[in-house]
């Protein structure tokens, strides 16, 4: 599982990335007389995208959204189940919301997403802190489930689907900056990484009709958006042959019929407009191809940034994790990125330290791989066992917590060095920056990102949100570039 920005993940200092302990909430658009919906989203970008789908479904049922749960008639927490602490955060939040519910008994409380699928019985029957529980593939069923709760029953649907992609639903953009947006291109995951619950909570992999993806990108561009991020648990395994189901699509491909792969899709979205930037997340090292890299190099509006999680630098540990690639394979993919796209292409990673039976020597191999790659930034955390995973069933979590924390700190310290060094490469160079808004620290400055996904701060002057601005970078930290606009 990739994409996770969990509360236990410790990032390189000042890494400009939102995490699960800063949940996204719904915006105010409810009209007088409407029932009010409040959604709080935790975890990965896919959850944030799903909340926009849920909002669209509920909007058709006459609900408006509110940014205040105290005002809401219906409260949803869209949850992450990748780490224990993420689940505990949601439980604490539910208890707090239930205290409000006691004063407002007509309020309905529901849990959506991965935690819903995994803990349905506990949440509904044992702890009795929710009214409905809905898994990631059952959001179309929400109106019926809410009706059941209105009639005095508890409601649950956590059935997984081999076909559902929500391709026909136009998402309601929650808390959008009006410049950047997510587009979900596929759902589920077929990679059975031994540490990960996602295949069990989100089901098997299936791809969305590419024409619906391009249509959504065109609609966003027509409405003033300047950047889209294509989302999937493993975007590089995207395949469409007229079927969402991967097994059916593979059969079509074997028959010699045309199948659209991720490189084809990337090109289709890039061709919407040269003024529409295209990003994607996440890539799996075993699947990213030279064809994808050459497509990125061909189009200036496809951003030069790849999130390529390695997890460990040791082959034995990678095998235990069931990552299905070796250290050597991974480094070859990084070399291909540098050769085809260029040395300035941003590369980030996920790393787990202290996985079952990891030795000190194997930990050192992760550090040595980091020194070879020199990531722009990383999401780093120590291993914690998740119930129901292969690792939970087969391996002993035997690395002491103090050892895990010490190894993690060594990884963080090294990453801080590399992040600063990579950013220093950008000094005295001109970067094309897409302005996303006002800097949080200074209202007279703007913030945006360059192609390599690095935050750039510069004086506001005449520029505004949504502009492309050429910025000469003059200084940096390990997380941010600073500069001034140039003609």
Protein backbone atom coordinates (compact mmCIF):
# COMPACT_ATOMS: atom_id res chain seq x y z
CA UNK A 1 0.00 0.00 0.00
CA UNK A 2 1.27 3.45 -0.94
CA UNK A 3 -0.14 6.96 -0.67
CA UNK A 4 -0.45 6.72 3.12
CA UNK A 5 0.14 9.97 4.99
CA UNK A 6 -0.57 8.58 8.44
CA UNK A 7 -0.21 10.26 11.83
CA UNK A 8 2.58 7.85 12.78
CA UNK A 9 4.63 8.72 9.75
CA UNK A 10 7.54 10.95 10.69
CA UNK A 11 8.62 13.10 7.77
CA UNK A 12 11.81 14.91 7.02
CA UNK A 13 11.86 18.25 8.81
CA UNK A 14 9.33 20.74 7.38
CA UNK A 15 8.22 18.37 4.63
CA UNK A 16 5.33 20.24 2.99
CA UNK A 17 2.80 17.41 3.01
CA UNK A 18 -0.54 17.06 4.75
CA UNK A 19 -0.87 14.09 7.10
CA UNK A 20 -3.63 12.13 8.73
CA UNK A 21 -3.52 14.24 11.91
CA UNK A 22 -4.67 17.24 9.86
CA UNK A 23 -7.97 15.88 8.50
CA UNK A 24 -9.78 17.59 5.65
CA UNK A 25 -13.33 18.66 6.34
CA UNK A 26 -16.32 19.57 4.20
CA UNK A 27 -17.10 23.13 3.17
CA UNK A 28 -20.19 25.29 3.71
CA UNK A 29 -22.68 25.13 0.85
CA UNK A 30 -25.91 24.12 2.64
CA UNK A 31 -28.99 26.19 1.83
CA UNK A 32 -31.76 27.07 4.24
CA UNK A 33 -34.00 24.08 4.89
CA UNK A 34 -31.48 21.47 3.70
CA UNK A 35 -30.19 18.66 5.87
CA UNK A 36 -26.54 19.35 6.58
CA UNK A 37 -23.70 16.93 5.90
CA UNK A 38 -20.28 17.14 7.56
CA UNK A 39 -17.41 14.95 6.30
CA UNK A 40 -14.01 14.63 7.95
CA UNK A 41 -11.43 12.69 5.94
CA UNK A 42 -8.34 10.93 7.26
CA UNK A 43 -5.48 9.05 5.66
CA UNK A 44 -4.53 8.84 2.02
CA UNK A 45 -5.40 11.02 -0.96
CA UNK A 46 -7.79 8.32 -2.12
CA UNK A 47 -9.91 8.92 0.99
CA UNK A 48 -10.07 12.64 0.24
CA UNK A 49 -11.15 11.81 -3.32
CA UNK A 50 -13.78 9.37 -2.02
CA UNK A 51 -15.24 12.05 0.26
CA UNK A 52 -15.83 14.21 -2.82
CA UNK A 53 -17.72 11.30 -4.41
CA UNK A 54 -19.80 10.84 -1.25
CA UNK A 55 -20.63 14.56 -1.22
CA UNK A 56 -21.83 14.34 -4.82
CA UNK A 57 -24.08 11.36 -4.00
CA UNK A 58 -25.53 13.12 -0.97
CA UNK A 59 -25.99 16.39 -2.84
CA UNK A 60 -28.34 14.60 -5.23
CA UNK A 61 -30.32 13.48 -2.17
CA UNK A 62 -30.82 17.08 -1.08
CA UNK A 63 -28.01 17.41 1.46
CA UNK A 64 -25.83 20.49 1.68
CA UNK A 65 -22.40 20.45 3.30
CA UNK A 66 -21.27 22.30 6.39
CA UNK A 67 -17.81 22.92 7.84
CA UNK A 68 -19.15 22.59 11.41
CA UNK A 69 -20.10 19.20 12.83
CA UNK A 70 -22.09 20.94 15.60
CA UNK A 71 -24.46 22.19 12.88
CA UNK A 72 -24.66 18.88 11.01
CA UNK A 73 -27.57 16.49 10.74
CA UNK A 74 -25.29 13.80 9.30
CA UNK A 75 -21.63 13.36 10.30
CA UNK A 76 -19.29 11.09 8.34
CA UNK A 77 -15.72 10.21 9.25
CA UNK A 78 -13.92 8.78 6.23
CA UNK A 79 -11.29 6.64 7.86
CA UNK A 80 -7.85 5.12 7.47
CA UNK A 81 -6.99 1.69 8.86
CA UNK A 82 -3.32 1.44 7.91
CA UNK A 83 -1.97 2.11 11.42
CA UNK A 84 -3.29 1.50 14.92
CA UNK A 85 -2.85 5.11 15.98
CA UNK A 86 -4.89 6.29 12.98
CA UNK A 87 -7.78 4.12 14.16
CA UNK A 88 -7.41 5.40 17.73
CA UNK A 89 -7.57 8.99 16.48
CA UNK A 90 -10.88 8.24 14.78
CA UNK A 91 -12.26 6.48 17.87
CA UNK A 92 -11.42 9.50 20.02
CA UNK A 93 -13.06 11.76 17.46
CA UNK A 94 -16.19 9.61 17.44
CA UNK A 95 -16.47 9.81 21.23
CA UNK A 96 -16.22 13.60 21.04
CA UNK A 97 -18.90 13.77 18.33
CA UNK A 98 -21.14 11.43 20.30
CA UNK A 99 -21.03 13.87 23.20
CA UNK A 100 -22.54 16.45 20.84
CA UNK A 101 -25.03 13.88 19.58
CA UNK A 102 -26.42 13.44 23.11
CA UNK A 103 -27.51 17.07 22.98
CA UNK A 104 -28.74 16.65 19.39
CA UNK A 105 -30.32 13.18 19.11
CA UNK A 106 -31.46 13.69 15.52
CA UNK A 107 -27.81 13.74 14.41
CA UNK A 108 -26.69 10.63 12.52
CA UNK A 109 -23.07 9.47 12.75
CA UNK A 110 -21.41 7.19 10.22
CA UNK A 111 -17.99 5.72 9.54
CA UNK A 112 -16.84 5.33 5.94
CA UNK A 113 -13.75 3.83 4.33
CA UNK A 114 -11.17 1.28 5.36
CA UNK A 115 -11.81 1.31 9.10
CA UNK A 116 -15.50 0.78 8.41
CA UNK A 117 -14.81 -2.43 6.52
CA UNK A 118 -12.40 -3.76 9.11
CA UNK A 119 -14.25 -2.92 12.34
CA UNK A 120 -17.91 -2.96 11.34
CA UNK A 121 -19.12 -5.24 14.17
CA UNK A 122 -17.18 -3.47 16.91
CA UNK A 123 -18.30 -0.01 15.85
CA UNK A 124 -21.98 -0.88 15.47
CA UNK A 125 -22.65 -3.51 18.11
CA UNK A 126 -19.92 -3.53 20.75
CA UNK A 127 -18.97 0.12 21.11
CA UNK A 128 -22.27 1.50 19.73
CA UNK A 129 -20.69 4.79 18.70
CA UNK A 130 -22.05 4.97 15.14
CA UNK A 131 -25.39 4.63 13.35
CA UNK A 132 -24.11 3.38 10.02
CA UNK A 133 -20.96 1.77 8.63
CA UNK A 134 -20.20 1.95 4.90
CA UNK A 135 -17.22 0.49 3.04
CA UNK A 136 -15.39 2.11 0.09
CA UNK A 137 -17.39 0.27 -2.60
CA UNK A 138 -20.87 0.89 -1.14
CA UNK A 139 -21.26 4.67 -1.32
CA UNK A 140 -24.06 4.46 -3.90
CA UNK A 141 -26.06 2.68 -1.19
CA UNK A 142 -25.81 5.61 1.24
CA UNK A 143 -29.29 7.11 0.59
CA UNK A 144 -30.97 3.75 1.33
CA UNK A 145 -28.82 3.18 4.42
CA UNK A 146 -29.61 6.64 5.78
CA UNK A 147 -33.31 5.91 5.26
CA UNK A 148 -32.89 2.74 7.35
CA UNK A 149 -31.29 4.77 10.15
CA UNK A 150 -34.05 7.40 9.89
CA UNK A 151 -36.49 4.53 10.45
CA UNK A 152 -34.72 3.58 13.68
CA UNK A 153 -32.39 0.81 12.49
CA UNK A 154 -28.63 0.49 12.36
CA UNK A 155 -27.27 0.19 8.82
CA UNK A 156 -24.19 -1.43 7.29
CA UNK A 157 -22.81 -2.23 3.84
CA UNK A 158 -19.14 -3.14 3.53
CA UNK A 159 -19.38 -5.44 0.52
CA UNK A 160 -16.42 -5.17 -1.84
CA UNK A 161 -16.89 -4.95 -5.60
CA UNK A 162 -14.95 -6.22 -8.61
CA UNK A 163 -16.45 -3.52 -10.86
CA UNK A 164 -17.27 -0.31 -8.93
CA UNK A 165 -15.18 2.73 -9.98
CA UNK A 166 -17.75 5.59 -9.53
CA UNK A 167 -16.78 6.67 -13.05
CA UNK A 168 -20.15 8.35 -13.73
CA UNK A 169 -20.15 10.52 -10.59
CA UNK A 170 -18.88 14.07 -10.81
CA UNK A 171 -17.19 14.77 -7.44
CA UNK A 172 -18.04 17.80 -5.30
CA UNK A 173 -14.69 19.50 -4.69
CA UNK A 174 -14.36 19.88 -0.92
CA UNK A 175 -12.20 22.73 0.38
CA UNK A 176 -10.79 23.11 -3.10
CA UNK A 177 -8.26 25.83 -3.81
CA UNK A 178 -9.76 26.04 -7.31
CA UNK A 179 -6.38 25.26 -8.86
CA UNK A 180 -5.55 21.61 -8.11
CA UNK A 181 -7.79 18.53 -7.98
CA UNK A 182 -7.62 14.74 -7.63
CA UNK A 183 -8.97 12.30 -10.22
CA UNK A 184 -9.34 8.68 -9.16
CA UNK A 185 -8.35 6.41 -12.07
CA UNK A 186 -8.64 3.01 -10.36
CA UNK A 187 -9.60 1.37 -7.12
CA UNK A 188 -8.36 -1.53 -5.00
CA UNK A 189 -5.01 -3.28 -4.95
CA UNK A 190 -3.71 -6.67 -6.09
CA UNK A 191 -0.32 -6.31 -4.40
CA UNK A 192 -0.40 -8.41 -1.26
CA UNK A 193 2.35 -6.62 0.67
CA UNK A 194 2.63 -8.53 3.93
CA UNK A 195 2.36 -5.41 6.13
CA UNK A 196 -0.68 -3.86 4.43
CA UNK A 197 -4.45 -4.10 5.02
CA UNK A 198 -5.52 -2.29 1.85
CA UNK A 199 -6.28 -5.36 -0.33
CA UNK A 200 -8.64 -6.51 2.42
CA UNK A 201 -10.32 -3.14 3.00
CA UNK A 202 -10.48 -1.83 -0.59
CA UNK A 203 -10.74 -5.04 -2.57
CA UNK A 204 -9.26 -6.18 -5.86
CA UNK A 205 -7.84 -3.85 -8.46
CA UNK A 206 -10.07 -2.41 -11.17
CA UNK A 207 -9.53 0.44 -13.61
CA UNK A 208 -11.86 3.24 -14.61
CA UNK A 209 -12.97 3.99 -18.17
CA UNK A 210 -10.25 6.27 -19.60
CA UNK A 211 -12.75 8.42 -21.47
CA UNK A 212 -14.52 9.30 -18.21
CA UNK A 213 -11.13 10.26 -16.74
CA UNK A 214 -10.28 12.52 -19.68
CA UNK A 215 -13.77 14.03 -19.54
CA UNK A 216 -13.33 14.84 -15.84
CA UNK A 217 -9.95 16.45 -16.56
CA UNK A 218 -11.47 18.51 -19.38
CA UNK A 219 -14.31 19.63 -17.11
CA UNK A 220 -11.87 20.66 -14.39
CA UNK A 221 -9.76 22.64 -16.87
CA UNK A 222 -12.89 24.35 -18.24
CA UNK A 223 -13.72 25.39 -14.68
CA UNK A 224 -10.35 27.04 -14.12
CA UNK A 225 -8.31 24.21 -12.60
CA UNK A 226 -4.66 24.13 -13.66
CA UNK A 227 -3.47 20.79 -12.23
CA UNK A 228 -4.86 17.29 -11.77
CA UNK A 229 -3.37 14.37 -9.83
CA UNK A 230 -4.28 10.90 -11.13
CA UNK A 231 -4.81 8.62 -8.14
CA UNK A 232 -4.52 4.88 -7.64
CA UNK A 233 -2.99 2.46 -5.16
CA UNK A 234 -0.70 1.47 -8.04
CA UNK A 235 -1.25 3.69 -11.08
CA UNK A 236 1.31 1.82 -13.19
CA UNK A 237 -0.90 -1.27 -13.29
CA UNK A 238 -3.80 0.71 -14.79
CA UNK A 239 -5.37 -1.22 -17.70
CA UNK A 240 -8.59 -0.70 -19.61
CA UNK A 241 -9.90 -2.96 -22.35
CA UNK A 242 -13.59 -2.18 -22.04
CA UNK A 243 -13.73 -3.87 -18.62
CA UNK A 244 -12.95 -2.51 -15.15
CA UNK A 245 -12.08 -6.00 -13.91
CA UNK A 246 -8.34 -6.65 -14.35
CA UNK A 247 -8.81 -10.37 -14.98
CA UNK A 248 -11.19 -9.66 -17.86
CA UNK A 249 -8.90 -6.97 -19.26
CA UNK A 250 -5.90 -9.29 -19.15
CA UNK A 251 -7.90 -11.83 -21.16
CA UNK A 252 -8.74 -9.18 -23.77
CA UNK A 253 -5.05 -8.23 -24.00
CA UNK A 254 -4.02 -11.86 -24.51
CA UNK A 255 -6.44 -12.03 -27.42
CA UNK A 256 -4.44 -9.26 -29.08
CA UNK A 257 -7.08 -6.57 -28.67
CA UNK A 258 -6.26 -2.96 -27.81
CA UNK A 259 -5.78 -2.24 -24.11
CA UNK A 260 -5.07 1.24 -22.75
CA UNK A 261 -2.23 1.21 -20.22
CA UNK A 262 -1.07 3.92 -17.84
CA UNK A 263 1.36 5.50 -20.32
CA UNK A 264 -1.49 5.79 -22.84
CA UNK A 265 -3.81 7.30 -20.22
CA UNK A 266 -1.15 9.76 -19.08
CA UNK A 267 -0.74 10.98 -22.64
CA UNK A 268 -4.51 11.30 -23.13
CA UNK A 269 -4.84 13.51 -20.04
CA UNK A 270 -1.75 15.56 -20.95
CA UNK A 271 -3.34 16.33 -24.32
CA UNK A 272 -6.38 17.99 -22.69
CA UNK A 273 -4.36 21.22 -22.63
CA UNK A 274 -0.70 22.19 -22.36
CA UNK A 275 -1.84 24.57 -19.60
CA UNK A 276 -3.14 21.68 -17.46
CA UNK A 277 -0.44 20.13 -15.30
CA UNK A 278 -0.65 16.39 -14.70
CA UNK A 279 0.68 14.53 -11.66
CA UNK A 280 0.08 10.98 -10.46
CA UNK A 281 0.43 8.85 -7.35
CA UNK A 282 1.45 6.21 -6.54
CA UNK A 283 3.92 4.18 -8.61
CA UNK A 284 4.97 0.65 -7.70
CA UNK A 285 8.65 -0.12 -8.43
CA UNK A 286 7.80 -3.48 -10.02
CA UNK A 287 5.43 -1.90 -12.55
CA UNK A 288 6.77 1.50 -13.58
CA UNK A 289 7.91 1.23 -17.20
CA UNK A 290 10.24 3.10 -19.52
CA UNK A 291 7.16 3.83 -21.64
CA UNK A 292 5.71 5.88 -18.76
CA UNK A 293 9.03 7.69 -18.28
CA UNK A 294 9.31 8.52 -22.00
CA UNK A 295 5.72 9.83 -21.97
CA UNK A 296 6.63 12.08 -19.04
CA UNK A 297 9.69 13.35 -20.90
CA UNK A 298 7.61 14.02 -24.03
CA UNK A 299 5.09 16.37 -22.40
CA UNK A 300 6.19 19.51 -20.55
CA UNK A 301 2.90 19.60 -18.62
CA UNK A 302 3.43 16.15 -17.08
CA UNK A 303 5.24 17.00 -13.87
CA UNK A 304 8.74 15.67 -13.28
CA UNK A 305 7.98 13.99 -9.99
CA UNK A 306 7.54 10.32 -9.03
CA UNK A 307 6.60 8.85 -5.67
CA UNK A 308 8.39 5.48 -5.75
CA UNK A 309 8.14 3.74 -2.35
CA UNK A 310 11.03 1.41 -1.57
CA UNK A 311 10.09 0.38 2.04
CA UNK A 312 13.49 -1.30 2.63
CA UNK A 313 16.93 -1.43 1.06
CA UNK A 314 17.53 -5.10 1.89
CA UNK A 315 16.47 -7.97 -0.38
CA UNK A 316 15.58 -10.41 2.40
CA UNK A 317 13.33 -7.86 4.09
CA UNK A 318 11.77 -6.91 0.75
CA UNK A 319 10.95 -10.58 0.19
CA UNK A 320 9.37 -10.84 3.65
CA UNK A 321 7.35 -7.75 2.81
CA UNK A 322 6.28 -9.44 -0.46
CA UNK A 323 7.29 -6.38 -2.44
CA UNK A 324 8.18 -8.58 -5.47
CA UNK A 325 11.27 -6.59 -6.50
CA UNK A 326 14.89 -6.48 -5.39
CA UNK A 327 17.18 -3.67 -4.34
CA UNK A 328 18.92 -4.00 -7.70
CA UNK A 329 15.65 -3.73 -9.63
CA UNK A 330 14.65 -0.65 -7.66
CA UNK A 331 17.97 1.12 -8.26
CA UNK A 332 17.70 0.31 -11.97
CA UNK A 333 14.30 2.07 -12.04
CA UNK A 334 15.79 5.12 -10.34
CA UNK A 335 18.63 5.16 -12.87
CA UNK A 336 16.06 5.03 -15.69
CA UNK A 337 14.22 8.01 -14.17
CA UNK A 338 17.42 10.05 -14.00
CA UNK A 339 18.47 9.10 -17.55
CA UNK A 340 15.12 9.51 -19.32
CA UNK A 341 13.59 12.44 -17.40
CA UNK A 342 16.67 14.07 -15.88
CA UNK A 343 18.58 14.51 -12.65
CA UNK A 344 16.19 17.17 -11.41
CA UNK A 345 13.15 14.88 -11.49
CA UNK A 346 11.76 14.76 -7.96
CA UNK A 347 11.76 11.29 -6.39
CA UNK A 348 10.16 10.53 -3.03
CA UNK A 349 9.69 7.33 -1.08
CA UNK A 350 8.05 5.46 1.79
CA UNK A 351 10.27 3.60 4.25
CA UNK A 352 9.45 1.15 7.03
CA UNK A 353 12.13 0.51 9.62
CA UNK A 354 12.12 -2.30 12.16
CA UNK A 355 10.11 -4.76 10.10
CA UNK A 356 9.91 -8.32 11.47
CA UNK A 357 13.40 -9.86 12.02
CA UNK A 358 15.22 -6.88 10.44
CA UNK A 359 18.86 -6.93 11.56
CA UNK A 360 21.18 -4.00 12.10
CA UNK A 361 23.08 -4.87 8.92
CA UNK A 362 19.83 -4.87 6.94
CA UNK A 363 18.92 -1.48 8.39
CA UNK A 364 22.30 -0.20 7.22
CA UNK A 365 21.42 -1.35 3.70
CA UNK A 366 18.37 0.91 3.76
CA UNK A 367 20.64 3.82 4.71
CA UNK A 368 23.08 2.93 1.93
CA UNK A 369 20.26 2.82 -0.63
CA UNK A 370 19.14 6.26 0.54
CA UNK A 371 22.67 7.55 -0.01
CA UNK A 372 22.64 6.18 -3.54
CA UNK A 373 19.21 7.55 -4.48
CA UNK A 374 19.16 10.81 -2.46
CA UNK A 375 15.38 11.29 -2.19
CA UNK A 376 13.84 14.73 -2.37
CA UNK A 377 11.60 13.75 0.54
CA UNK A 378 10.23 10.64 2.20
CA UNK A 379 7.50 9.34 4.44
CA UNK A 380 9.26 7.38 7.18
CA UNK A 381 7.88 5.30 10.01
CA UNK A 382 8.65 2.29 12.13
CA UNK A 383 6.75 -0.95 11.65
CA UNK A 384 3.59 -1.61 13.64
CA UNK A 385 1.64 -4.81 13.20
CA UNK A 386 -1.84 -4.65 11.65
CA UNK A 387 -4.40 -7.38 12.39
CA UNK A 388 -5.33 -9.60 9.45
CA UNK A 389 -2.24 -8.96 7.36
CA UNK A 390 0.11 -11.67 6.16
CA UNK A 391 2.83 -10.39 8.49
CA UNK A 392 0.43 -10.60 11.43
CA UNK A 393 -0.30 -14.24 10.62
CA UNK A 394 3.20 -15.43 9.68
CA UNK A 395 5.88 -13.30 11.36
CA UNK A 396 6.80 -12.20 14.85
CA UNK A 397 7.07 -8.47 15.46
CA UNK A 398 10.35 -9.00 17.27
CA UNK A 399 12.36 -5.79 16.83
CA UNK A 400 12.27 -3.88 20.15
CA UNK A 401 10.48 -0.52 20.08
CA UNK A 402 13.55 1.42 21.23
CA UNK A 403 15.57 -0.12 18.37
CA UNK A 404 12.83 0.78 15.87
CA UNK A 405 12.80 4.38 17.09
CA UNK A 406 16.58 4.71 16.97
CA UNK A 407 16.73 3.33 13.43
CA UNK A 408 13.90 5.62 12.38
CA UNK A 409 15.75 8.65 13.71
CA UNK A 410 18.83 7.66 11.71
CA UNK A 411 16.71 7.47 8.57
CA UNK A 412 15.13 10.85 9.30
CA UNK A 413 18.48 12.52 9.92
CA UNK A 414 19.91 11.21 6.67
CA UNK A 415 16.80 12.23 4.74
CA UNK A 416 17.03 15.76 6.13
CA UNK A 417 20.56 16.00 4.72
CA UNK A 418 19.48 14.74 1.32
CA UNK A 419 16.39 16.95 1.13
CA UNK A 420 18.49 20.06 1.76
CA UNK A 421 21.14 19.00 -0.75
CA UNK A 422 18.51 18.28 -3.43
CA UNK A 423 16.86 21.67 -2.84
CA UNK A 424 20.21 23.46 -3.02
CA UNK A 425 20.50 22.19 -6.59
CA UNK A 426 17.60 24.50 -7.42
CA UNK A 427 19.31 27.71 -6.26
CA UNK A 428 20.16 30.23 -9.04
CA UNK A 429 17.80 28.42 -11.41
CA UNK A 430 14.45 29.57 -12.81
CA UNK A 431 11.48 27.38 -11.89
CA UNK A 432 8.02 27.42 -13.47
CA UNK A 433 5.67 27.65 -10.48
CA UNK A 434 1.92 27.14 -10.39
CA UNK A 435 0.53 29.50 -7.73
CA UNK A 436 -1.79 27.70 -5.29
CA UNK A 437 -2.47 30.53 -2.86
CA UNK A 438 -1.16 32.94 -0.23
CA UNK A 439 1.75 31.83 1.96
CA UNK A 440 0.58 30.92 5.47
CA UNK A 441 3.42 32.87 7.05
CA UNK A 442 3.22 36.08 5.06
CA UNK A 443 0.16 37.46 3.27
CA UNK A 444 2.45 39.43 0.95
CA UNK A 445 3.94 36.22 -0.41
CA UNK A 446 2.55 33.50 -2.66
CA UNK A 447 3.15 29.78 -2.53
CA UNK A 448 3.11 27.25 -5.32
CA UNK A 449 4.92 24.18 -6.55
CA UNK A 450 7.35 23.55 -9.34
CA UNK A 451 7.29 20.52 -11.63
CA UNK A 452 9.32 18.47 -9.12
CA UNK A 453 6.60 18.99 -6.46
CA UNK A 454 8.67 21.40 -4.37
CA UNK A 455 7.02 24.27 -2.54
CA UNK A 456 8.22 27.66 -3.76
CA UNK A 457 7.61 30.96 -1.88
CA UNK A 458 8.02 34.36 -3.55
CA UNK A 459 6.75 37.98 -3.22
CA UNK A 460 3.16 38.46 -4.36
CA UNK A 461 3.61 41.55 -6.55
CA UNK A 462 1.04 41.42 -9.41
CA UNK A 463 0.54 37.65 -9.42
CA UNK A 464 -2.45 35.64 -8.22
CA UNK A 465 -3.68 32.12 -7.55
CA UNK A 466 -3.74 29.98 -10.70
CA UNK A 467 -0.94 31.88 -12.46
CA UNK A 468 2.14 30.20 -13.85
CA UNK A 469 5.12 32.27 -12.71
CA UNK A 470 8.81 31.96 -13.51
CA UNK A 471 10.66 32.22 -10.20
CA UNK A 472 14.40 32.62 -9.75
CA UNK A 473 15.25 30.64 -6.61
CA UNK A 474 17.74 32.40 -4.34
CA UNK A 475 17.56 30.39 -1.10
CA UNK A 476 16.09 27.23 0.39
CA UNK A 477 15.49 25.02 3.40
CA UNK A 478 15.17 21.26 3.31
CA UNK A 479 11.48 21.64 2.46
CA UNK A 480 10.99 24.97 0.69
CA UNK A 481 12.49 27.04 -2.10
CA UNK A 482 12.50 30.85 -1.87
CA UNK A 483 12.90 33.28 -4.71
CA UNK A 484 11.53 36.17 -6.78
CA UNK A 485 9.47 36.36 -9.94
CA UNK A 486 11.29 37.11 -13.17
CA UNK A 487 10.04 37.96 -16.64
